[in-house]
Structures are given as structure tokens and as C-alpha cells.
Protein backbone atom coordinates (compact mmCIF):
# COMPACT_ATOMS: atom_id res chain seq x y z
CA MET A 1 0.28 0.44 0.18
CA SER A 2 0.95 3.00 -0.74
CA THR A 3 2.07 6.07 1.96
CA ARG A 4 -0.55 8.85 2.34
CA VAL A 5 -0.87 12.14 4.07
CA ALA A 6 -3.89 13.87 5.28
CA VAL A 7 -4.67 17.20 3.21
CA GLU A 8 -6.72 19.99 4.88
CA LEU A 9 -10.30 20.25 3.55
CA ALA A 10 -9.57 23.80 3.46
CA LYS A 11 -6.87 22.93 0.74
CA ALA A 12 -7.96 19.44 -1.02
CA TYR A 13 -8.96 22.02 -4.28
CA ARG A 14 -4.85 22.31 -4.31
CA LEU A 15 -5.21 18.47 -5.52
CA LEU A 16 -7.17 18.88 -8.88
CA ASN A 17 -6.10 22.79 -9.31
CA HIS A 18 -2.92 22.39 -11.54
CA GLY A 19 -5.38 23.17 -15.08
CA PRO A 20 -4.42 26.12 -16.62
CA THR A 21 -4.49 29.35 -15.35
CA VAL A 22 -6.49 31.97 -17.18
CA LEU A 23 -7.04 35.36 -17.22
CA VAL A 24 -11.15 35.98 -17.60
CA SER A 25 -11.66 39.56 -19.78
CA SER A 26 -14.84 41.39 -19.84
CA ALA A 27 -16.12 44.49 -21.20
CA HIS A 28 -19.61 46.52 -21.30
CA GLY A 29 -20.88 49.81 -21.63
CA GLY A 30 -17.52 51.35 -21.83
CA LYS A 31 -15.19 49.73 -18.90
CA ARG A 32 -12.69 46.72 -19.68
CA ASN A 33 -11.49 44.49 -16.75
CA VAL A 34 -9.53 41.22 -16.40
CA MET A 35 -8.97 39.15 -13.92
CA ALA A 36 -7.02 35.74 -12.69
CA ALA A 37 -9.15 32.50 -12.70
CA ALA A 38 -7.49 29.16 -11.57
CA TRP A 39 -11.01 27.48 -11.19
CA SER A 40 -11.92 26.82 -14.98
CA MET A 41 -12.78 23.57 -17.13
CA PRO A 42 -14.17 22.63 -20.10
CA LEU A 43 -17.39 20.76 -20.19
CA ASP A 44 -18.26 19.91 -23.02
CA PHE A 45 -17.70 19.26 -26.84
CA ASP A 46 -20.40 19.79 -29.16
CA PRO A 47 -21.10 23.26 -28.83
CA PRO A 48 -17.86 23.31 -26.90
CA LYS A 49 -18.85 24.59 -23.20
CA ILE A 50 -16.65 25.30 -20.28
CA ALA A 51 -17.32 26.36 -16.54
CA VAL A 52 -15.40 29.49 -14.44
CA VAL A 53 -15.73 30.84 -10.92
CA ILE A 54 -16.19 34.74 -10.66
CA ASP A 55 -16.66 35.57 -7.52
CA LYS A 56 -19.60 38.14 -6.63
CA SER A 57 -17.59 41.10 -5.31
CA THR A 58 -15.57 41.21 -8.63
CA LEU A 59 -15.77 44.01 -11.50
CA THR A 60 -15.09 41.50 -14.36
CA ARG A 61 -18.70 39.91 -12.45
CA GLU A 62 -20.72 43.11 -13.16
CA LEU A 63 -19.38 43.00 -16.49
CA VAL A 64 -20.08 39.46 -17.57
CA GLU A 65 -23.29 39.60 -16.05
CA ALA A 66 -24.39 43.04 -17.73
CA SER A 67 -22.99 41.99 -21.30
CA GLY A 68 -23.54 38.15 -21.30
CA GLU A 69 -19.91 37.32 -22.06
CA PHE A 70 -16.30 36.87 -21.44
CA VAL A 71 -13.24 35.54 -22.83
CA LEU A 72 -11.22 33.00 -21.18
CA ASN A 73 -7.37 33.83 -21.85
CA VAL A 74 -4.36 31.23 -21.63
CA PRO A 75 -1.27 33.01 -20.47
CA ALA A 76 2.59 31.83 -20.75
CA ARG A 77 4.80 31.71 -18.20
CA LEU A 78 6.11 34.90 -19.56
CA GLN A 79 3.23 36.95 -18.12
CA ALA A 80 2.93 34.94 -14.76
CA ALA A 81 3.99 38.35 -12.75
CA ALA A 82 1.25 39.97 -14.65
CA THR A 83 -1.22 37.04 -13.65
CA LEU A 84 -0.51 37.63 -10.06
CA ALA A 85 -0.50 41.78 -10.56
CA VAL A 86 -4.33 40.77 -11.87
CA GLY A 87 -5.68 38.72 -9.19
CA ASN A 88 -4.48 40.57 -6.74
CA ALA A 89 -6.01 44.26 -7.87
CA SER A 90 -9.25 45.52 -8.02
CA GLY A 91 -10.42 46.67 -11.35
CA ARG A 92 -12.71 49.49 -9.51
CA GLU A 93 -9.41 51.26 -8.05
CA ILE A 94 -7.56 50.59 -11.71
CA ASP A 95 -7.74 50.00 -15.21
CA LYS A 96 -5.75 46.68 -14.66
CA PHE A 97 -4.65 46.61 -18.78
CA GLU A 98 -2.54 50.12 -18.37
CA LYS A 99 -1.30 49.29 -14.91
CA VAL A 100 -0.28 45.85 -15.82
CA GLY A 101 0.83 46.46 -19.49
CA LEU A 102 -1.51 44.26 -20.78
CA GLY A 103 -2.51 44.66 -24.78
CA GLY A 104 -6.11 43.85 -25.39
CA THR A 105 -7.22 43.12 -28.77
CA ALA A 106 -10.63 43.16 -30.12
CA ALA A 107 -12.34 39.87 -30.30
CA THR A 108 -14.00 38.21 -33.05
CA GLN A 109 -17.97 37.23 -31.58
CA VAL A 110 -17.69 38.84 -28.50
CA GLY A 111 -17.17 42.58 -26.92
CA ALA A 112 -14.68 41.70 -24.23
CA PRO A 113 -10.84 41.99 -25.62
CA LEU A 114 -8.30 39.25 -26.11
CA ILE A 115 -5.29 39.80 -23.94
CA GLU A 116 -2.50 40.15 -26.59
CA GLY A 117 1.07 37.21 -25.30
CA CYS A 118 -1.53 34.47 -24.49
CA LEU A 119 -1.39 31.33 -25.55
CA ALA A 120 -4.99 30.41 -26.37
CA TRP A 121 -7.91 32.43 -26.51
CA LEU A 122 -11.91 31.04 -25.31
CA GLU A 123 -14.64 33.68 -26.90
CA CYS A 124 -17.73 32.22 -24.95
CA ARG A 125 -21.53 34.12 -24.71
CA VAL A 126 -22.87 33.17 -21.07
CA ILE A 127 -25.21 30.04 -20.80
CA PRO A 128 -27.59 31.56 -17.77
CA GLU A 129 -27.46 29.13 -14.80
CA PRO A 130 -28.57 31.63 -12.54
CA HIS A 131 -28.61 29.41 -9.37
CA ASN A 132 -25.15 27.78 -9.87
CA GLN A 133 -23.96 31.65 -10.45
CA GLN A 134 -25.68 33.08 -7.17
CA THR A 135 -25.19 30.09 -5.18
CA TYR A 136 -21.64 28.50 -6.15
CA ASP A 137 -20.02 31.79 -8.44
CA LEU A 138 -20.24 29.28 -11.23
CA PHE A 139 -20.19 30.83 -14.88
CA LEU A 140 -20.90 28.06 -17.79
CA GLY A 141 -20.20 29.80 -21.11
CA GLU A 142 -20.47 28.49 -24.72
CA VAL A 143 -16.94 28.89 -26.92
CA VAL A 144 -18.18 30.55 -30.05
CA ALA A 145 -14.72 31.03 -30.61
CA ALA A 146 -11.08 29.76 -29.99
CA TRP A 147 -7.57 30.53 -31.04
CA ALA A 148 -4.59 29.55 -30.29
CA ASP A 149 -0.76 30.40 -31.20
CA PRO A 150 0.64 28.25 -33.55
CA ALA A 151 4.31 28.29 -31.71
CA ALA A 152 2.60 26.45 -28.78
CA PHE A 153 -0.54 24.96 -30.02
CA SER A 154 -1.33 22.68 -33.43
CA ASN A 155 -3.02 19.73 -34.63
CA GLY A 156 -5.01 19.48 -31.84
CA ARG A 157 -1.89 19.64 -29.38
CA TRP A 158 0.19 21.52 -27.34
CA HIS A 159 3.85 21.72 -27.79
CA PHE A 160 6.08 23.73 -25.83
CA GLU A 161 9.75 24.05 -27.53
CA ASN A 162 9.90 27.32 -25.19
CA ALA A 163 9.95 27.21 -21.22
CA GLU A 164 8.46 30.94 -21.02
CA ARG A 165 5.86 29.72 -23.04
CA ARG A 166 4.41 27.01 -21.49
CA SER A 167 1.03 27.12 -19.58
CA ILE A 168 1.16 28.37 -16.24
CA HIS A 169 -0.58 26.70 -12.97
CA TYR A 170 -1.50 28.80 -9.93
CA LEU A 171 -1.12 26.67 -6.96
CA ALA A 172 -1.42 29.36 -3.61
CA GLY A 173 0.13 32.09 -1.82
CA GLY A 174 1.42 33.08 -5.55
CA ALA A 175 3.41 29.63 -6.44
CA PHE A 176 3.13 28.46 -9.93
CA PHE A 177 4.50 25.79 -11.77
CA ALA A 178 4.51 25.67 -15.60
CA THR A 179 3.16 22.40 -18.13
CA GLY A 180 5.87 19.60 -17.97
CA ASP A 181 7.27 17.79 -21.03
CA ALA A 182 4.32 15.84 -22.89
CA PHE A 183 4.46 11.93 -23.02
CA GLU A 184 3.04 9.17 -24.87
CA VAL A 185 2.66 5.62 -23.34
């Protein structure tokens, strides 16, 4: 039998929380914002759907609820400091795009911007689930357009030749790790 160590229940999420951290961008009524989110996941293939947790207190939540859309941007390791910075600041107090130096490019299907320099972008429209949104801060989105940097993703697969262009995964307390090497069995 393998050795096991108990994990504090309040930290149990960390056992599964090593999917890529995303930057959630939003826009409505002349305002825009971006926040970091460690809790996102794919849900379905056709049509493609995702889930992301967006806290009630954030400006991003306000903009997403008003517009009904958002973008999940997958940042690279070289964007880790910016990812942490937008995760630790409020868009109600500063323009995070300007303060952190993130460039935003127009999306094709939604009003929220695409964050420049990322590895991938998923343009999403909210699938209304009021109970989940209010009770769990969980938003479902239908992916209406998806893009990837061909240097990191092509032929349906990730390939990270450059260490600074690997996806990042937030653990907690400012600690990240980068996606490791792929292997086949």
C-alpha cells in the first residue's frame, strides 16, 4: 500500500487545481476588466462549453453579467507576474490593462478583449444558470470562437518548446508551476 498524508479539507482543491490558470477578460458599457482565475474547466464538445468561477465581488462579474460574454485567455509563463498582479488588484480602483501593461485586441464574436501574448483564447457567451451563478459563483459559457498561438498549439495538441511559453498553473500564495514535458504511453 502506498503512503498517504491527510490534506486539510480547506486545501483539498489544490489536489486538482493544476489546470492552466486563465485570465478572464470582460467589457460592457465602455468599461473593461481582466481577472485571474485558477478554477476553470471544459464541460462539453459540441457545442463546446466551459465553466469558470467568478466571485460576486469583482468588477469582472458585474461586466460579465451585464454583457453576457467573456474571454478565457490562457497566459504563458512569461506573463506570470502580470497574472498575479491582476489577481491581486481590483478593477474598480485601477485600469488593470494600463497598470499591468496588458494589451487588449478586439475579439471576433464578443465584446471582451483578447489579451495579447497569451497562448490561447476562448470567446464565450454565458449560458444562464442563475442558481449556479448566485450560489456557487459558477458561470457556464458556450465557446463561440477559439484561437491558439501556433508556436504552442497546433494539430490539436500543445507543444511547449520554449520554457517561457508554457501554460502556468496557480497553486496558492503566489506559487505557480509551468506545464511539464509531454509524453506518450
